[in-house]
Protein backbone atom coordinates (compact mmCIF):
# COMPACT_ATOMS: atom_id res chain seq x y z
CA MET A 1 87.99 -22.48 20.48
CA SER A 2 91.36 -23.01 19.19
CA ASN A 3 90.63 -25.39 16.00
CA ASN A 4 87.91 -27.61 14.18
CA MET A 5 88.72 -30.55 16.47
CA ASP A 6 87.53 -28.88 19.75
CA PHE A 7 83.99 -28.45 18.10
CA ASP A 8 81.96 -31.17 19.03
CA TYR A 9 78.70 -31.39 16.63
CA ALA A 10 76.30 -33.42 18.59
CA GLU A 11 76.83 -31.28 21.71
CA ALA A 12 76.23 -28.34 20.10
CA PHE A 13 72.76 -29.13 18.29
CA GLU A 14 71.75 -31.35 21.20
CA ARG A 15 69.16 -28.99 22.18
CA ASN A 16 67.78 -29.62 18.68
CA ILE A 17 66.62 -33.08 18.99
CA GLY A 18 62.85 -33.57 20.20
CA VAL A 19 62.35 -30.63 17.54
CA PHE A 20 63.96 -32.78 15.09
CA SER A 21 65.04 -36.75 15.20
CA LEU A 22 68.55 -37.59 14.77
CA GLU A 23 67.84 -38.60 11.17
CA GLU A 24 66.71 -34.93 10.48
CA GLN A 25 69.53 -33.30 12.47
CA GLU A 26 71.82 -35.20 10.23
CA LYS A 27 70.39 -34.30 7.46
CA LEU A 28 70.47 -30.58 8.21
CA LYS A 29 74.28 -31.22 8.77
CA LYS A 30 74.52 -31.93 5.05
CA LEU A 31 72.13 -29.17 3.67
CA LYS A 32 73.39 -26.42 1.60
CA ILE A 33 72.22 -22.94 1.40
CA ALA A 34 72.54 -20.43 -0.84
CA ILE A 35 71.90 -16.72 0.61
CA ALA A 36 71.77 -13.48 -1.77
CA GLY A 37 71.90 -10.75 -0.04
CA CYS A 38 73.51 -10.51 3.46
CA GLY A 39 72.16 -7.40 5.29
CA GLY A 40 69.12 -7.74 7.74
CA MET A 41 67.30 -10.82 6.53
CA GLY A 42 70.04 -12.43 4.54
CA GLY A 43 72.35 -11.90 7.69
CA GLN A 44 69.77 -13.24 10.29
CA ALA A 45 69.37 -16.47 7.75
CA ALA A 46 72.68 -17.28 7.93
CA GLN A 47 72.63 -16.99 11.78
CA GLN A 48 69.58 -19.13 11.80
CA PHE A 49 70.75 -22.10 9.31
CA VAL A 50 74.20 -22.33 11.00
CA ARG A 51 72.46 -22.47 14.72
CA LEU A 52 70.21 -25.13 13.58
CA GLY A 53 73.31 -27.25 12.38
CA VAL A 54 73.54 -26.48 8.81
CA GLU A 55 77.37 -26.48 7.55
CA GLY A 56 76.98 -25.70 3.79
CA PHE A 57 76.64 -21.76 2.60
CA ASN A 58 77.13 -19.83 -0.42
CA VAL A 59 76.79 -16.30 0.72
CA ALA A 60 76.31 -13.46 -1.79
CA ASP A 61 76.53 -9.42 -1.28
CA PHE A 62 78.55 -6.51 -3.21
CA ASP A 63 77.39 -3.96 -0.44
CA ILE A 64 79.27 -2.78 2.54
CA TYR A 65 77.88 -1.80 5.91
CA ASN A 66 77.05 1.65 6.71
CA VAL A 67 75.80 3.25 9.61
CA CYS A 68 72.03 3.37 8.16
CA ASN A 69 72.16 -0.54 8.82
CA ILE A 70 72.48 -0.15 12.33
CA ASN A 71 68.76 -0.36 13.22
CA ASN A 72 67.92 -3.69 11.83
CA GLN A 73 71.27 -5.90 10.49
CA PHE A 74 72.61 -7.77 13.34
CA ASP A 75 76.05 -7.85 11.58
CA SER A 76 76.09 -4.27 11.46
CA ASN A 77 78.48 -2.54 14.26
CA THR A 78 80.85 -0.32 14.87
CA SER A 79 83.65 -2.86 13.85
CA THR A 80 81.95 -4.02 10.69
CA MET A 81 81.78 -0.52 9.16
CA GLY A 82 82.87 -0.28 5.49
CA ARG A 83 83.20 -4.24 5.16
CA ASN A 84 81.58 -6.61 2.68
CA LYS A 85 78.35 -7.81 4.01
CA ALA A 86 79.06 -11.22 2.69
CA GLU A 87 82.49 -11.51 3.97
CA VAL A 88 81.50 -10.48 7.44
CA VAL A 89 78.70 -13.12 7.20
CA SER A 90 81.03 -15.83 6.36
CA GLU A 91 83.01 -14.98 9.55
CA HIS A 92 80.20 -15.19 11.89
CA ILE A 93 79.26 -18.32 10.55
CA LEU A 94 82.73 -19.70 11.02
CA GLU A 95 82.47 -18.38 14.55
CA VAL A 96 79.64 -20.65 15.14
CA ASN A 97 80.51 -23.68 13.65
CA PRO A 98 84.35 -23.48 12.78
CA ASN A 99 83.53 -26.54 10.77
CA ALA A 100 80.94 -25.04 8.59
CA ASN A 101 81.85 -24.80 4.84
CA VAL A 102 81.37 -21.44 3.41
CA THR A 103 81.99 -19.82 -0.06
CA VAL A 104 81.75 -16.02 -0.44
CA PHE A 105 80.67 -14.36 -3.37
CA ASN A 106 81.28 -10.87 -2.93
CA GLN A 107 80.41 -9.36 -6.30
CA GLY A 108 77.08 -10.06 -5.31
CA VAL A 109 74.76 -12.29 -7.64
CA THR A 110 75.65 -11.69 -11.18
CA LYS A 111 75.06 -13.59 -14.76
CA GLU A 112 78.61 -14.58 -14.56
CA ASN A 113 78.65 -16.32 -11.42
CA VAL A 114 74.96 -17.26 -10.51
CA ASN A 115 75.25 -21.16 -11.80
CA ASP A 116 78.43 -21.38 -9.16
CA PHE A 117 76.48 -19.64 -6.78
CA LEU A 118 73.47 -22.26 -6.77
CA SER A 119 75.61 -25.14 -7.68
CA ASP A 120 74.55 -28.07 -5.31
CA VAL A 121 72.26 -25.98 -3.02
CA ASP A 122 69.37 -27.13 -1.42
CA ILE A 123 67.69 -24.10 -0.47
CA VAL A 124 67.64 -20.41 -1.97
CA VAL A 125 67.23 -17.45 -0.05
CA ASP A 126 66.49 -14.18 -2.05
CA ALA A 127 67.17 -11.44 0.38
CA ILE A 128 68.74 -8.67 -2.20
CA ASP A 129 67.34 -5.47 -1.62
CA TYR A 130 63.28 -4.64 -2.85
CA ASN A 131 65.01 -1.93 -4.98
CA ASN A 132 66.99 -4.26 -6.85
CA GLN A 133 64.77 -6.93 -8.59
CA LYS A 134 66.95 -7.13 -11.60
CA ASP A 135 69.60 -8.78 -9.59
CA SER A 136 66.70 -10.82 -8.11
CA LEU A 137 65.51 -11.84 -11.62
CA ILE A 138 68.94 -13.33 -12.34
CA LEU A 139 68.70 -15.44 -9.36
CA HIS A 140 65.16 -16.69 -9.70
CA MET A 141 65.92 -17.41 -13.64
CA ALA A 142 68.50 -19.74 -12.81
CA ALA A 143 66.90 -21.38 -9.61
CA ARG A 144 64.05 -22.08 -11.82
CA LYS A 145 66.57 -23.89 -14.47
CA MET A 146 67.90 -25.96 -11.44
CA ASN A 147 64.57 -26.91 -10.16
CA LEU A 148 65.02 -24.71 -6.97
CA PHE A 149 62.42 -23.19 -4.67
CA VAL A 150 63.71 -19.56 -3.95
CA PHE A 151 62.25 -18.15 -0.42
CA ALA A 152 61.83 -14.18 -0.38
CA PRO A 153 61.29 -12.54 2.94
CA GLN A 154 60.24 -8.93 3.14
CA ALA A 155 59.88 -6.86 6.58
CA ILE A 156 57.69 -3.79 6.97
CA GLY A 157 57.23 -2.28 10.53
CA PHE A 158 56.47 -4.94 13.18
CA GLY A 159 55.54 -7.63 10.41
CA ALA A 160 57.12 -9.80 7.60
CA SER A 161 56.10 -11.67 4.89
CA VAL A 162 57.48 -14.79 3.00
CA LEU A 163 57.29 -15.35 -0.70
CA VAL A 164 57.75 -18.88 -2.12
CA PHE A 165 58.31 -19.30 -5.77
CA ASP A 166 58.01 -22.90 -7.06
CA PRO A 167 60.23 -23.76 -10.06
CA LYS A 168 57.23 -24.83 -11.65
CA GLY A 169 54.70 -21.91 -10.45
CA VAL A 170 54.48 -18.61 -11.14
CA ALA A 171 57.99 -16.75 -12.09
CA LEU A 172 59.06 -13.53 -10.32
CA GLU A 173 58.85 -11.88 -13.88
CA ASP A 174 55.35 -12.93 -14.02
CA PHE A 175 54.75 -11.88 -10.42
CA LEU A 176 56.05 -8.45 -10.42
CA GLY A 177 56.01 -7.60 -14.04
CA ALA A 178 58.61 -6.72 -16.53
CA ALA A 179 57.90 -3.18 -16.18
CA ALA A 180 58.16 -3.30 -12.27
CA ILE A 181 61.52 -5.08 -12.46
CA ASN A 182 63.06 -2.76 -14.84
CA THR A 183 61.77 0.47 -12.87
CA ASN A 184 61.57 -0.71 -9.25
CA ILE A 185 58.46 0.91 -9.10
CA ILE A 186 56.13 -1.78 -7.52
CA ASP A 187 53.42 -2.07 -5.83
CA VAL A 188 54.26 -2.49 -1.82
CA GLU A 189 51.32 -5.11 -1.45
CA LYS A 190 53.12 -7.51 -3.91
CA PHE A 191 55.83 -8.22 -1.35
CA SER A 192 53.93 -7.10 1.75
CA PRO A 193 50.77 -8.10 1.36
CA TYR A 194 49.40 -6.61 4.66
CA ILE A 195 50.21 -2.93 4.85
CA PRO A 196 50.24 -2.31 8.83
CA SER A 197 47.75 0.50 10.12
CA TYR A 198 50.43 2.49 11.86
CA ALA A 199 52.71 2.56 8.71
CA ASP A 200 52.99 6.07 7.69
CA PRO A 201 51.41 6.37 3.84
CA LYS A 202 53.31 8.78 2.67
CA VAL A 203 56.64 6.58 3.15
CA ILE A 204 54.87 3.66 1.62
CA LYS A 205 53.40 5.96 -1.26
CA GLU A 206 57.43 7.09 -1.99
CA ILE A 207 58.24 3.38 -2.08
CA GLU A 208 55.71 2.80 -4.80
CA LEU A 209 56.64 5.83 -6.69
CA GLY A 210 60.40 4.87 -6.55
CA THR A 211 61.34 7.98 -4.94
CA GLY A 212 61.86 5.95 -1.46
CA LYS A 213 64.85 3.71 -0.78
CA TYR A 214 63.48 1.21 1.66
CA LEU A 215 60.25 0.03 3.44
CA PRO A 216 60.30 0.80 6.93
CA ASN A 217 61.06 -1.88 9.11
CA ILE A 218 63.05 -2.77 12.57
CA ALA A 219 65.17 -5.39 13.52
CA VAL A 220 62.37 -7.29 15.04
CA ALA A 221 60.62 -7.68 11.88
CA GLN A 222 63.63 -9.02 10.41
CA CYS A 223 63.87 -11.95 13.11
CA LEU A 224 60.22 -12.80 12.32
CA GLY A 225 60.49 -12.79 8.66
CA ILE A 226 63.45 -15.36 8.91
CA ALA A 227 61.71 -17.47 11.80
CA MET A 228 58.89 -17.58 9.23
CA LEU A 229 61.09 -18.32 6.06
CA THR A 230 63.02 -20.93 8.09
CA ALA A 231 60.07 -22.74 9.12
CA GLU A 232 58.44 -23.03 5.71
CA ALA A 233 62.09 -24.10 4.30
CA LEU A 234 62.84 -26.71 6.78
CA ALA A 235 58.78 -28.08 6.52
CA TYR A 236 59.59 -28.48 2.84
CA ILE A 237 63.33 -30.12 3.26
CA LEU A 238 62.65 -32.33 5.95
CA LYS A 239 59.12 -33.21 5.83
CA ASN A 240 58.46 -33.07 2.39
CA ARG A 241 55.56 -30.15 2.82
CA LYS A 242 55.02 -28.03 -0.25
CA PRO A 243 55.52 -24.51 1.05
CA THR A 244 52.90 -21.71 0.56
CA CYS A 245 53.53 -20.54 -2.93
CA VAL A 246 52.84 -17.45 -5.02
CA PRO A 247 50.56 -16.26 -5.72
CA ASN A 248 49.23 -17.45 -2.06
CA LYS A 249 51.30 -15.21 0.40
CA PHE A 250 52.34 -15.94 4.37
CA ALA A 251 52.03 -12.90 6.28
CA ILE A 252 52.19 -11.64 9.83
CA ASP A 253 52.05 -8.47 11.62
CA LEU A 254 52.63 -8.43 15.36
CA TRP A 255 51.61 -5.00 16.35
CA ASP A 256 48.28 -5.33 14.37
CA LYS A 257 48.07 -9.04 15.39
CA VAL A 258 47.04 -10.02 11.51
CA LEU A 259 48.18 -13.70 10.12
CA ILE A 260 47.61 -14.20 6.21
CA SER A 261 48.31 -17.48 4.91
């Protein structure tokens, strides 16, 4: 593809029609998505939304790709090691649709840039790391002021959950508690309402005590979580159907065959 003029939007997304009407597809095209955190979940969210035909993106992440990201982050490979995640995700969005409009926030979400990050967006994806809730709080507080729903995915094992924060409902700081946000010592069930039967309890306990870094998860769970998030977000945007919002939770585990909704 040599230039933007070669990209035929209607042809690229014609197979969406039947799932979405032509009018809904046009609405998708005009959407603007803010994705905070461009690792496993955030990178997948960008891929799903751009392949649905969305053309507006703000992407934020201060982190770089490391070898430990290989198992579950699809933008992580030998050619992207050491590169900023938001910058790589931006490039991959434009490789799918060169007409997309992407703004990169390679310092992550901060108090100084959060208002710009959320400017004129329709959907907010909180894919900030589980152990970095202080940055999530900055995002959520600004989103509430702007009357924006925040969709927060989480993966564990072969399962995933999506927490949706209504700007007029339960706030992140009330849901987790101020102490949990400050210390990052969080009850795993807050984000993952179903703990899989096969999950190592020692690893889960380390997470809850703050001595472990990440919930154990694989690429399958990242895909599942973003599929769930995308369905919830688009039902809200296109059909005006209110998502399942906290304190209620939406979770699926494929191995144990469990659904919580």
